[in-house]
Amino acid sequence: MTVLVWDGISLATDRQANDGSAKWESDKAWYVSDKNTGKVCIVSGVGLLDDIIKLREWYREGALPKAFPELTKKSSQLIVIHRDTGLWLYDGVPHPVHYGHNLHAFGHGKDFAYGALAMGATAKEAVDACNVYSLHCGKGVGIYNLNGETDVKEV
């Protein structure tokens, strides 16, 4: 299960993955070069990991609408973040919705995240809250940003 939180500056994720009977730590976002602009962006998603990987590779190859992958679950979503334009959401289709630098949360625990964001929390602090209160989130926080810093993992 996953929670992703965008605070307009950083994307934070929990690090818990599971297969129904076991859980472990996993990266949930990646730095990818945008084939169309040549700039580095953050790519992540919610849904089945297999679908997210398909969507990530589709985006990496240029995000051509006619090459949009067949997804196992139509509810799988791809999130792409660019330094200049912010967050873009591909919600099961090859045409994104632009959310910019506005606060946003996705996945299990997003209600906890929105509550934390409403109280002034950063993306990291919002995921920390999800890790405490949601049964589906945990195993630390991954933080991704495009201001020159590298991915930070906290336990």
C-alpha atoms as a PDB file:
ATOM      1  CA  MET A   1       0.000   0.000   0.000  1.00  0.00           C
ATOM      2  CA  THR A   2       1.176   3.548  -0.586  1.00  0.00           C
ATOM      3  CA  VAL A   3       0.775   7.138   0.451  1.00  0.00           C
ATOM      4  CA  LEU A   4       2.279   9.937  -1.654  1.00  0.00           C
ATOM      5  CA  VAL A   5       2.200  13.551  -0.494  1.00  0.00           C
ATOM      6  CA  TRP A   6       3.151  16.617  -2.556  1.00  0.00           C
ATOM      7  CA  ASP A   7       3.569  19.883  -0.640  1.00  0.00           C
ATOM      8  CA  GLY A   8       4.520  21.967  -3.667  1.00  0.00           C
ATOM      9  CA  ILE A   9       8.241  21.518  -2.973  1.00  0.00           C
ATOM     10  CA  SER A  10       8.847  17.867  -2.096  1.00  0.00           C
ATOM     11  CA  LEU A  11       7.204  14.550  -2.783  1.00  0.00           C
ATOM     12  CA  ALA A  12       7.210  12.272   0.251  1.00  0.00           C
ATOM     13  CA  THR A  13       6.227   8.607   0.273  1.00  0.00           C
ATOM     14  CA  ASP A  14       5.995   5.928   2.869  1.00  0.00           C
ATOM     15  CA  ARG A  15       8.398   3.037   2.238  1.00  0.00           C
ATOM     16  CA  GLN A  16       6.183   0.048   3.057  1.00  0.00           C
ATOM     17  CA  ALA A  17       5.408  -2.530   0.391  1.00  0.00           C
ATOM     18  CA  ASN A  18       3.535  -5.790   0.862  1.00  0.00           C
ATOM     19  CA  ASP A  19       2.281  -8.820  -0.968  1.00  0.00           C
ATOM     20  CA  GLY A  20      -0.608  -9.532   1.383  1.00  0.00           C
ATOM     21  CA  SER A  21       1.333 -11.635   3.866  1.00  0.00           C
ATOM     22  CA  ALA A  22       4.693  -9.915   4.235  1.00  0.00           C
ATOM     23  CA  LYS A  23       5.930  -6.335   4.246  1.00  0.00           C
ATOM     24  CA  TRP A  24       9.287  -4.785   3.403  1.00  0.00           C
ATOM     25  CA  GLU A  25      10.886  -1.436   2.520  1.00  0.00           C
ATOM     26  CA  SER A  26      10.753  -0.197  -1.058  1.00  0.00           C
ATOM     27  CA  ASP A  27      11.410   2.938  -3.083  1.00  0.00           C
ATOM     28  CA  LYS A  28       8.179   4.380  -4.458  1.00  0.00           C
ATOM     29  CA  ALA A  29       9.463   7.190  -6.661  1.00  0.00           C
ATOM     30  CA  TRP A  30      12.292   7.610  -9.141  1.00  0.00           C
ATOM     31  CA  TYR A  31      14.255  10.375 -10.810  1.00  0.00           C
ATOM     32  CA  VAL A  32      13.720  10.074 -14.579  1.00  0.00           C
ATOM     33  CA  SER A  33      14.966  12.136 -17.527  1.00  0.00           C
ATOM     34  CA  ASP A  34      12.010  13.477 -19.486  1.00  0.00           C
ATOM     35  CA  LYS A  35      12.637  12.387 -23.081  1.00  0.00           C
ATOM     36  CA  ASN A  36      10.800  15.427 -24.462  1.00  0.00           C
ATOM     37  CA  THR A  37      12.529  18.136 -22.390  1.00  0.00           C
ATOM     38  CA  GLY A  38      15.762  16.446 -21.296  1.00  0.00           C
ATOM     39  CA  LYS A  39      15.098  17.634 -17.732  1.00  0.00           C
ATOM     40  CA  VAL A  40      15.012  15.403 -14.674  1.00  0.00           C
ATOM     41  CA  CYS A  41      11.594  14.849 -13.111  1.00  0.00           C
ATOM     42  CA  ILE A  42      10.185  12.746 -10.279  1.00  0.00           C
ATOM     43  CA  VAL A  43       7.975   9.816 -11.298  1.00  0.00           C
ATOM     44  CA  SER A  44       5.821   7.864  -8.884  1.00  0.00           C
ATOM     45  CA  GLY A  45       2.369   6.340  -8.718  1.00  0.00           C
ATOM     46  CA  VAL A  46      -0.304   4.502  -6.819  1.00  0.00           C
ATOM     47  CA  GLY A  47      -1.897   1.179  -7.658  1.00  0.00           C
ATOM     48  CA  LEU A  48      -0.270  -2.116  -8.539  1.00  0.00           C
ATOM     49  CA  LEU A  49       3.519  -1.886  -8.655  1.00  0.00           C
ATOM     50  CA  ASP A  50       3.535  -3.750 -11.978  1.00  0.00           C
ATOM     51  CA  ASP A  51       1.251  -1.061 -13.452  1.00  0.00           C
ATOM     52  CA  ILE A  52       3.322   1.767 -11.981  1.00  0.00           C
ATOM     53  CA  ILE A  53       6.481   0.299 -13.528  1.00  0.00           C
ATOM     54  CA  LYS A  54       4.707  -0.005 -16.920  1.00  0.00           C
ATOM     55  CA  LEU A  55       3.570   3.617 -16.645  1.00  0.00           C
ATOM     56  CA  ARG A  56       7.043   4.793 -15.589  1.00  0.00           C
ATOM     57  CA  GLU A  57       8.644   3.086 -18.585  1.00  0.00           C
ATOM     58  CA  TRP A  58       5.955   4.465 -20.917  1.00  0.00           C
ATOM     59  CA  TYR A  59       6.724   7.964 -19.625  1.00  0.00           C
ATOM     60  CA  ARG A  60      10.489   7.380 -19.901  1.00  0.00           C
ATOM     61  CA  GLU A  61      10.030   6.407 -23.561  1.00  0.00           C
ATOM     62  CA  GLY A  62       8.258   9.679 -24.414  1.00  0.00           C
ATOM     63  CA  ALA A  63       4.668   9.231 -23.160  1.00  0.00           C
ATOM     64  CA  LEU A  64       3.154   8.696 -26.600  1.00  0.00           C
ATOM     65  CA  PRO A  65      -0.656   8.439 -26.238  1.00  0.00           C
ATOM     66  CA  LYS A  66      -0.948   5.576 -28.746  1.00  0.00           C
ATOM     67  CA  ALA A  67       1.665   3.584 -26.774  1.00  0.00           C
ATOM     68  CA  PHE A  68      -0.186   3.886 -23.428  1.00  0.00           C
ATOM     69  CA  PRO A  69       0.243   0.524 -21.665  1.00  0.00           C
ATOM     70  CA  GLU A  70      -2.517  -1.947 -20.869  1.00  0.00           C
ATOM     71  CA  LEU A  71      -2.976  -1.796 -17.091  1.00  0.00           C
ATOM     72  CA  THR A  72      -3.995  -4.638 -14.807  1.00  0.00           C
ATOM     73  CA  LYS A  73      -5.995  -2.195 -12.665  1.00  0.00           C
ATOM     74  CA  LYS A  74      -7.597   0.815 -14.306  1.00  0.00           C
ATOM     75  CA  SER A  75      -7.280   2.675 -10.982  1.00  0.00           C
ATOM     76  CA  SER A  76      -3.461   2.787 -11.195  1.00  0.00           C
ATOM     77  CA  GLN A  77      -2.182   6.367 -11.457  1.00  0.00           C
ATOM     78  CA  LEU A  78       1.119   7.865 -12.611  1.00  0.00           C
ATOM     79  CA  ILE A  79       2.383  11.018 -10.901  1.00  0.00           C
ATOM     80  CA  VAL A  80       5.053  13.127 -12.625  1.00  0.00           C
ATOM     81  CA  ILE A  81       6.629  16.189 -11.023  1.00  0.00           C
ATOM     82  CA  HIS A  82       8.624  18.799 -12.906  1.00  0.00           C
ATOM     83  CA  ARG A  83      10.610  21.540 -11.174  1.00  0.00           C
ATOM     84  CA  ASP A  84       8.968  24.365 -13.158  1.00  0.00           C
ATOM     85  CA  THR A  85       5.407  23.121 -13.616  1.00  0.00           C
ATOM     86  CA  GLY A  86       4.812  20.938 -10.561  1.00  0.00           C
ATOM     87  CA  LEU A  87       2.606  17.862 -10.418  1.00  0.00           C
ATOM     88  CA  TRP A  88       0.927  16.124 -13.357  1.00  0.00           C
ATOM     89  CA  LEU A  89      -1.450  13.163 -12.843  1.00  0.00           C
ATOM     90  CA  TYR A  90      -2.112  10.434 -15.409  1.00  0.00           C
ATOM     91  CA  ASP A  91      -5.280   8.805 -14.068  1.00  0.00           C
ATOM     92  CA  GLY A  92      -5.502   5.652 -16.195  1.00  0.00           C
ATOM     93  CA  VAL A  93      -5.336   7.635 -19.441  1.00  0.00           C
ATOM     94  CA  PRO A  94      -2.467   9.098 -21.523  1.00  0.00           C
ATOM     95  CA  HIS A  95      -3.564  12.717 -21.018  1.00  0.00           C
ATOM     96  CA  PRO A  96      -2.542  14.280 -17.686  1.00  0.00           C
ATOM     97  CA  VAL A  97      -4.329  16.642 -15.333  1.00  0.00           C
ATOM     98  CA  HIS A  98      -2.123  19.489 -14.084  1.00  0.00           C
ATOM     99  CA  TYR A  99      -2.144  20.204 -10.328  1.00  0.00           C
ATOM    100  CA  GLY A 100       0.936  22.437 -10.324  1.00  0.00           C
ATOM    101  CA  HIS A 101       2.476  23.270  -6.974  1.00  0.00           C
ATOM    102  CA  ASN A 102      -0.782  22.839  -5.020  1.00  0.00           C
ATOM    103  CA  LEU A 103      -0.898  20.434  -2.076  1.00  0.00           C
ATOM    104  CA  HIS A 104      -2.001  16.940  -3.007  1.00  0.00           C
ATOM    105  CA  ALA A 105      -2.076  13.427  -1.515  1.00  0.00           C
ATOM    106  CA  PHE A 106      -2.687  10.008  -3.076  1.00  0.00           C
ATOM    107  CA  GLY A 107      -3.185   6.439  -1.891  1.00  0.00           C
ATOM    108  CA  HIS A 108      -3.968   4.841   1.437  1.00  0.00           C
ATOM    109  CA  GLY A 109      -3.617   7.281   4.287  1.00  0.00           C
ATOM    110  CA  LYS A 110      -4.302  10.319   2.103  1.00  0.00           C
ATOM    111  CA  ASP A 111      -7.044  11.463   4.494  1.00  0.00           C
ATOM    112  CA  PHE A 112      -4.522  11.538   7.340  1.00  0.00           C
ATOM    113  CA  ALA A 113      -2.100  13.375   5.032  1.00  0.00           C
ATOM    114  CA  TYR A 114      -4.653  16.040   4.094  1.00  0.00           C
ATOM    115  CA  GLY A 115      -5.410  16.589   7.783  1.00  0.00           C
ATOM    116  CA  ALA A 116      -1.722  17.056   8.534  1.00  0.00           C
ATOM    117  CA  LEU A 117      -1.251  19.369   5.529  1.00  0.00           C
ATOM    118  CA  ALA A 118      -4.236  21.447   6.677  1.00  0.00           C
ATOM    119  CA  MET A 119      -2.428  21.940   9.995  1.00  0.00           C
ATOM    120  CA  GLY A 120       0.697  23.229   8.212  1.00  0.00           C
ATOM    121  CA  ALA A 121       2.717  20.003   7.939  1.00  0.00           C
ATOM    122  CA  THR A 122       5.339  19.428   5.257  1.00  0.00           C
ATOM    123  CA  ALA A 123       5.035  16.419   2.953  1.00  0.00           C
ATOM    124  CA  LYS A 124       7.452  14.498   5.183  1.00  0.00           C
ATOM    125  CA  GLU A 125       5.484  15.345   8.336  1.00  0.00           C
ATOM    126  CA  ALA A 126       2.234  14.334   6.629  1.00  0.00           C
ATOM    127  CA  VAL A 127       3.687  10.916   5.705  1.00  0.00           C
ATOM    128  CA  ASP A 128       4.982  10.566   9.270  1.00  0.00           C
ATOM    129  CA  ALA A 129       1.369  11.009  10.441  1.00  0.00           C
ATOM    130  CA  CYS A 130       0.172   8.397   7.933  1.00  0.00           C
ATOM    131  CA  ASN A 131       2.818   5.972   9.160  1.00  0.00           C
ATOM    132  CA  VAL A 132       1.496   6.350  12.706  1.00  0.00           C
ATOM    133  CA  TYR A 133      -2.245   6.219  12.026  1.00  0.00           C
ATOM    134  CA  SER A 134      -2.792   4.168   8.844  1.00  0.00           C
ATOM    135  CA  LEU A 135      -2.483   0.388   8.924  1.00  0.00           C
ATOM    136  CA  HIS A 136      -1.425   0.501   5.260  1.00  0.00           C
ATOM    137  CA  CYS A 137       1.553   2.863   5.594  1.00  0.00           C
ATOM    138  CA  GLY A 138       4.926   2.558   7.293  1.00  0.00           C
ATOM    139  CA  LYS A 139       8.596   1.592   7.081  1.00  0.00           C
ATOM    140  CA  GLY A 140       9.892   5.178   7.028  1.00  0.00           C
ATOM    141  CA  VAL A 141       9.726   8.097   4.626  1.00  0.00           C
ATOM    142  CA  GLY A 142      11.269   8.676   1.205  1.00  0.00           C
ATOM    143  CA  ILE A 143      11.664  12.327   0.223  1.00  0.00           C
ATOM    144  CA  TYR A 144      12.154  13.416  -3.379  1.00  0.00           C
ATOM    145  CA  ASN A 145      12.720  16.929  -4.660  1.00  0.00           C
ATOM    146  CA  LEU A 146      14.193  18.737  -7.618  1.00  0.00           C
ATOM    147  CA  ASN A 147      16.194  21.464  -5.906  1.00  0.00           C
ATOM    148  CA  GLY A 148      19.555  19.720  -6.078  1.00  0.00           C
ATOM    149  CA  GLU A 149      19.178  17.535  -2.997  1.00  0.00           C
ATOM    150  CA  THR A 150      19.213  13.757  -3.244  1.00  0.00           C
ATOM    151  CA  ASP A 151      16.630  11.299  -2.040  1.00  0.00           C
ATOM    152  CA  VAL A 152      16.504  11.119   1.744  1.00  0.00           C
ATOM    153  CA  LYS A 153      15.336   8.001   3.528  1.00  0.00           C
ATOM    154  CA  GLU A 154      14.316   8.186   7.147  1.00  0.00           C
ATOM    155  CA  VAL A 155      13.197   5.402   9.434  1.00  0.00           C
END
